[in-house]
């Protein structure tokens, strides 16, 4: 068994120096790279073809998530609390197991060291496993409640995929959704595929569906919602050049269940498989 290659990259800023640890997985003609900061996979190539979008302004400086790949949203999603999308993405994760085609990361937190909030889990551990095959990438998440209180938890996989907004086709994502494109959520329903996925889309669908984005198969298990997002033309996002704003479509797996709580010592298991036809 061959262990994955871990590279340390040094970044020098005006007043500080940071070091990013990056693990590379390989399996046949498939290759993936994961930044230990936020346990963020930012590259996955199959037969030399990149599947993820990564902004030209992305910086592995360990000061925040990269604009691309799959940033994590944990232990909450969105603006339910601060920081936005949780603090799991803003911290170093520990690589605990590895082989040539698999890497396992863990992140443990409690109220002493992290900005937990009363609405969500106050102490927990997440285990995230990346498994590579010649044509697929699998992410398995296990979240454990380490506190003595029953609390809800949320997890979002904010995947950025290389696709042209306004031209790409997304099959399989249908039903009831909240539309945030205008700012305030509007309830809506659709029985048709997104053909094409419009630029400037921001929808949260009820349900996590097997879907296909321009030939990329997405198969989630355990998640409760699907988010489809693109910022539209000239969004004015600091780490995203305007000329790249239509070069990706986000198809995100979200676990959010306000009626369910994680009991002390209980765990939650979620997974998603991305595969290239």
Protein backbone atom coordinates (compact mmCIF):
# COMPACT_ATOMS: atom_id res chain seq x y z
CA UNK A 1 0.00 0.00 0.00
CA UNK A 2 1.33 3.41 -0.96
CA UNK A 3 0.60 6.39 1.26
CA UNK A 4 -0.61 9.57 -0.43
CA UNK A 5 1.85 12.34 -1.09
CA UNK A 6 1.62 15.22 1.40
CA UNK A 7 3.13 18.52 0.31
CA UNK A 8 3.61 21.53 2.57
CA UNK A 9 3.29 24.88 0.80
CA UNK A 10 4.60 28.05 2.48
CA UNK A 11 2.79 31.35 1.92
CA UNK A 12 4.41 34.61 2.99
CA UNK A 13 2.19 37.63 3.62
CA UNK A 14 3.03 41.14 4.71
CA UNK A 15 2.97 40.29 8.41
CA UNK A 16 2.76 36.51 8.64
CA UNK A 17 3.75 33.17 7.17
CA UNK A 18 1.35 30.26 6.76
CA UNK A 19 1.93 26.65 5.74
CA UNK A 20 -0.68 24.61 3.86
CA UNK A 21 -0.59 20.80 3.97
CA UNK A 22 -1.97 19.23 0.79
CA UNK A 23 -2.63 15.50 0.36
CA UNK A 24 -2.69 13.96 -3.13
CA UNK A 25 -4.65 10.76 -3.84
CA UNK A 26 -4.32 8.63 -6.97
CA UNK A 27 -6.18 5.66 -8.43
CA UNK A 28 -5.54 4.67 -12.03
CA UNK A 29 -5.95 7.80 -14.12
CA UNK A 30 -7.84 9.60 -11.34
CA UNK A 31 -6.13 12.14 -9.10
CA UNK A 32 -7.39 14.31 -6.23
CA UNK A 33 -5.87 17.00 -3.97
CA UNK A 34 -7.09 17.92 -0.50
CA UNK A 35 -6.06 20.89 1.62
CA UNK A 36 -5.93 19.89 5.30
CA UNK A 37 -7.25 23.34 6.16
CA UNK A 38 -11.00 22.80 6.21
CA UNK A 39 -10.48 19.27 4.79
CA UNK A 40 -11.24 20.88 1.43
CA UNK A 41 -10.82 18.88 -1.74
CA UNK A 42 -10.03 21.37 -4.49
CA UNK A 43 -9.00 19.23 -7.45
CA UNK A 44 -10.28 15.97 -8.93
CA UNK A 45 -9.09 14.89 -12.35
CA UNK A 46 -10.24 11.88 -14.37
CA UNK A 47 -8.12 11.05 -17.39
CA UNK A 48 -6.53 14.48 -17.06
CA UNK A 49 -9.88 16.32 -17.10
CA UNK A 50 -10.56 18.55 -14.08
CA UNK A 51 -14.05 18.11 -12.59
CA UNK A 52 -14.00 20.97 -10.06
CA UNK A 53 -13.93 24.70 -10.66
CA UNK A 54 -11.24 26.67 -8.82
CA UNK A 55 -11.06 30.46 -8.94
CA UNK A 56 -7.93 32.04 -10.37
CA UNK A 57 -7.79 34.06 -7.13
CA UNK A 58 -7.97 31.03 -4.82
CA UNK A 59 -5.15 31.15 -2.28
CA UNK A 60 -4.05 28.17 -0.16
CA UNK A 61 -3.04 30.50 2.64
CA UNK A 62 -5.02 28.77 5.43
CA UNK A 63 -6.92 31.94 6.27
CA UNK A 64 -10.26 30.84 4.81
CA UNK A 65 -11.89 28.38 2.40
CA UNK A 66 -10.95 28.26 -1.25
CA UNK A 67 -13.41 29.50 -3.86
CA UNK A 68 -13.79 26.15 -5.59
CA UNK A 69 -13.68 22.42 -5.03
CA UNK A 70 -15.89 21.45 -2.08
CA UNK A 71 -15.78 23.84 0.89
CA UNK A 72 -17.53 22.42 3.96
CA UNK A 73 -20.43 24.12 5.75
CA UNK A 74 -20.31 22.77 9.31
CA UNK A 75 -21.72 22.65 11.99
CA UNK A 76 -24.29 24.93 10.39
CA UNK A 77 -25.14 26.09 6.88
CA UNK A 78 -25.59 29.68 5.74
CA UNK A 79 -26.19 32.61 8.03
CA UNK A 80 -28.00 30.79 10.83
CA UNK A 81 -25.08 31.84 13.07
CA UNK A 82 -21.63 33.39 12.75
CA UNK A 83 -19.26 32.70 11.10
CA UNK A 84 -21.19 32.21 7.87
CA UNK A 85 -21.36 28.49 6.97
CA UNK A 86 -19.82 27.50 10.32
CA UNK A 87 -16.26 27.26 11.61
CA UNK A 88 -15.30 23.80 10.33
CA UNK A 89 -14.05 25.34 7.07
CA UNK A 90 -11.80 27.79 8.90
CA UNK A 91 -9.66 25.33 10.83
CA UNK A 92 -7.01 22.67 10.27
CA UNK A 93 -8.25 19.08 10.18
CA UNK A 94 -6.23 16.06 11.28
CA UNK A 95 -5.28 13.37 8.78
CA UNK A 96 -5.74 10.13 10.77
CA UNK A 97 -5.71 7.39 8.10
CA UNK A 98 -4.45 7.25 4.55
CA UNK A 99 -3.60 5.04 1.60
CA UNK A 100 -2.86 5.76 -2.03
CA UNK A 101 -6.57 6.24 -2.86
CA UNK A 102 -8.18 7.12 0.48
CA UNK A 103 -7.74 9.75 3.18
CA UNK A 104 -9.59 10.13 6.48
CA UNK A 105 -9.73 13.49 8.27
CA UNK A 106 -11.19 14.36 11.67
CA UNK A 107 -12.18 17.62 13.34
CA UNK A 108 -13.18 17.83 17.01
CA UNK A 109 -14.63 20.92 18.68
CA UNK A 110 -16.14 22.22 21.91
CA UNK A 111 -17.20 25.51 23.45
CA UNK A 112 -13.75 26.15 24.96
CA UNK A 113 -11.99 26.60 21.63
CA UNK A 114 -14.61 27.37 18.99
CA UNK A 115 -17.48 29.87 18.51
CA UNK A 116 -20.33 27.43 19.18
CA UNK A 117 -23.85 28.82 19.49
CA UNK A 118 -26.82 27.62 21.60
CA UNK A 119 -28.86 26.63 18.54
CA UNK A 120 -26.42 23.95 17.39
CA UNK A 121 -24.14 21.20 18.62
CA UNK A 122 -21.79 22.51 21.33
CA UNK A 123 -19.23 19.69 21.21
CA UNK A 124 -18.70 17.15 18.48
CA UNK A 125 -16.43 15.25 16.17
CA UNK A 126 -16.67 14.90 12.41
CA UNK A 127 -14.89 12.20 10.44
CA UNK A 128 -14.64 12.78 6.71
CA UNK A 129 -13.41 10.04 4.37
CA UNK A 130 -12.37 10.68 0.75
CA UNK A 131 -12.25 7.57 -1.46
CA UNK A 132 -11.01 7.65 -5.04
CA UNK A 133 -11.60 5.13 -7.84
CA UNK A 134 -10.59 5.46 -11.51
CA UNK A 135 -13.97 7.07 -12.31
CA UNK A 136 -15.48 8.20 -9.00
CA UNK A 137 -14.99 10.20 -5.84
CA UNK A 138 -16.85 9.32 -2.62
CA UNK A 139 -17.20 11.46 0.51
CA UNK A 140 -18.42 9.79 3.72
CA UNK A 141 -19.22 12.00 6.70
CA UNK A 142 -19.76 10.79 10.26
CA UNK A 143 -20.79 13.39 12.85
CA UNK A 144 -20.82 12.46 16.57
CA UNK A 145 -22.37 14.41 19.45
CA UNK A 146 -19.75 14.68 22.22
CA UNK A 147 -21.86 16.94 24.43
CA UNK A 148 -24.42 16.00 27.08
CA UNK A 149 -27.23 17.81 25.25
CA UNK A 150 -29.40 16.80 22.31
CA UNK A 151 -28.81 19.41 19.61
CA UNK A 152 -29.30 19.80 15.85
CA UNK A 153 -26.37 19.88 13.44
CA UNK A 154 -26.07 20.83 9.79
CA UNK A 155 -23.63 19.89 7.05
CA UNK A 156 -23.34 21.28 3.54
CA UNK A 157 -20.96 20.17 0.79
CA UNK A 158 -20.64 23.34 -1.29
CA UNK A 159 -19.40 21.70 -4.49
CA UNK A 160 -18.20 23.89 -7.38
CA UNK A 161 -18.28 22.00 -10.69
CA UNK A 162 -16.84 23.02 -14.03
CA UNK A 163 -19.91 23.82 -16.14
CA UNK A 164 -21.16 26.81 -18.08
CA UNK A 165 -24.01 28.56 -16.28
CA UNK A 166 -26.64 29.35 -18.88
CA UNK A 167 -25.69 26.29 -20.94
CA UNK A 168 -25.19 23.35 -18.56
CA UNK A 169 -28.00 20.83 -18.04
CA UNK A 170 -28.89 19.43 -14.61
CA UNK A 171 -31.13 16.37 -14.66
CA UNK A 172 -33.00 14.96 -11.66
CA UNK A 173 -33.38 17.98 -9.35
CA UNK A 174 -37.11 18.71 -9.10
CA UNK A 175 -39.97 19.38 -6.71
CA UNK A 176 -40.53 22.09 -4.10
CA UNK A 177 -37.83 24.68 -3.55
CA UNK A 178 -37.09 28.07 -2.06
CA UNK A 179 -35.83 30.59 -4.61
CA UNK A 180 -33.35 33.13 -3.14
CA UNK A 181 -32.39 34.76 -6.45
CA UNK A 182 -34.12 38.03 -5.54
CA UNK A 183 -32.87 38.02 -1.93
CA UNK A 184 -36.02 37.04 -0.04
CA UNK A 185 -37.02 33.37 -0.34
CA UNK A 186 -39.97 32.57 -2.60
CA UNK A 187 -41.65 29.15 -2.50
CA UNK A 188 -41.95 27.45 -5.87
CA UNK A 189 -42.28 24.05 -7.54
CA UNK A 190 -41.01 22.48 -10.74
CA UNK A 191 -41.46 19.11 -12.45
CA UNK A 192 -38.83 19.73 -15.11
CA UNK A 193 -35.04 19.51 -15.27
CA UNK A 194 -32.85 22.60 -15.31
CA UNK A 195 -32.19 22.82 -19.04
CA UNK A 196 -30.18 24.94 -18.96
CA UNK A 197 -29.09 25.91 -15.45
CA UNK A 198 -29.64 29.69 -15.48
CA UNK A 199 -26.91 32.10 -14.45
CA UNK A 200 -27.73 33.78 -11.15
CA UNK A 201 -29.65 30.80 -9.77
CA UNK A 202 -29.98 30.34 -5.99
CA UNK A 203 -32.39 27.55 -5.06
CA UNK A 204 -32.75 25.22 -2.07
CA UNK A 205 -34.71 22.13 -3.08
CA UNK A 206 -36.52 19.85 -0.64
CA UNK A 207 -34.86 16.47 -0.99
CA UNK A 208 -31.46 15.15 -2.03
CA UNK A 209 -31.72 13.60 -5.48
CA UNK A 210 -29.55 11.46 -7.71
CA UNK A 211 -28.66 14.02 -10.37
CA UNK A 212 -26.57 14.40 -13.51
CA UNK A 213 -24.74 17.63 -14.35
CA UNK A 214 -23.38 17.53 -17.91
CA UNK A 215 -22.50 13.84 -17.55
CA UNK A 216 -21.30 13.97 -13.95
CA UNK A 217 -23.45 11.61 -11.83
CA UNK A 218 -24.18 12.79 -8.27
CA UNK A 219 -25.59 10.20 -5.84
CA UNK A 220 -26.25 11.43 -2.27
CA UNK A 221 -27.40 9.39 0.74
CA UNK A 222 -28.83 10.76 4.00
CA UNK A 223 -28.88 14.43 2.96
CA UNK A 224 -32.16 16.36 3.13
CA UNK A 225 -31.80 19.16 0.56
CA UNK A 226 -30.09 20.08 -2.71
CA UNK A 227 -28.76 23.59 -3.32
CA UNK A 228 -28.14 24.87 -6.85
CA UNK A 229 -26.21 28.13 -7.07
CA UNK A 230 -24.39 30.43 -9.46
CA UNK A 231 -23.75 34.12 -8.70
CA UNK A 232 -24.56 35.41 -12.18
CA UNK A 233 -22.61 37.91 -14.27
CA UNK A 234 -20.30 40.45 -12.62
CA UNK A 235 -21.13 39.45 -9.02
CA UNK A 236 -18.39 41.54 -7.42
CA UNK A 237 -17.07 38.69 -5.24
CA UNK A 238 -13.58 39.46 -3.97
CA UNK A 239 -11.95 36.07 -4.60
CA UNK A 240 -13.75 35.44 -7.91
CA UNK A 241 -12.83 37.29 -11.12
CA UNK A 242 -15.96 38.50 -12.89
CA UNK A 243 -14.87 36.75 -16.09
CA UNK A 244 -15.05 33.37 -14.28
CA UNK A 245 -18.48 33.88 -12.68
CA UNK A 246 -20.29 31.77 -15.29
CA UNK A 247 -17.67 29.01 -15.43
CA UNK A 248 -19.21 26.86 -12.69
CA UNK A 249 -22.43 25.53 -11.24
CA UNK A 250 -22.68 24.62 -7.57
CA UNK A 251 -24.73 21.50 -6.82
CA UNK A 252 -24.62 21.17 -3.05
CA UNK A 253 -25.68 18.40 -0.70
CA UNK A 254 -27.22 19.78 2.48
CA UNK A 255 -28.30 18.07 5.70
CA UNK A 256 -30.70 20.36 7.54
CA UNK A 257 -33.48 18.98 9.72
CA UNK A 258 -34.76 21.39 12.41
CA UNK A 259 -37.12 18.68 13.70
CA UNK A 260 -34.31 16.22 14.40
CA UNK A 261 -31.59 16.44 17.03
CA UNK A 262 -28.44 14.44 17.59
CA UNK A 263 -28.58 12.74 20.99
CA UNK A 264 -25.49 12.54 23.25
CA UNK A 265 -23.06 9.92 21.88
CA UNK A 266 -25.27 9.48 18.80
CA UNK A 267 -23.77 9.81 15.34
CA UNK A 268 -25.07 10.83 11.94
CA UNK A 269 -23.76 9.26 8.73
CA UNK A 270 -24.02 10.86 5.29
CA UNK A 271 -22.43 10.10 1.94
CA UNK A 272 -22.23 11.22 -1.67
CA UNK A 273 -20.65 9.66 -4.75
CA UNK A 274 -19.56 11.66 -7.79
CA UNK A 275 -18.89 9.56 -10.88
CA UNK A 276 -17.89 10.28 -14.46
CA UNK A 277 -19.70 8.38 -17.19
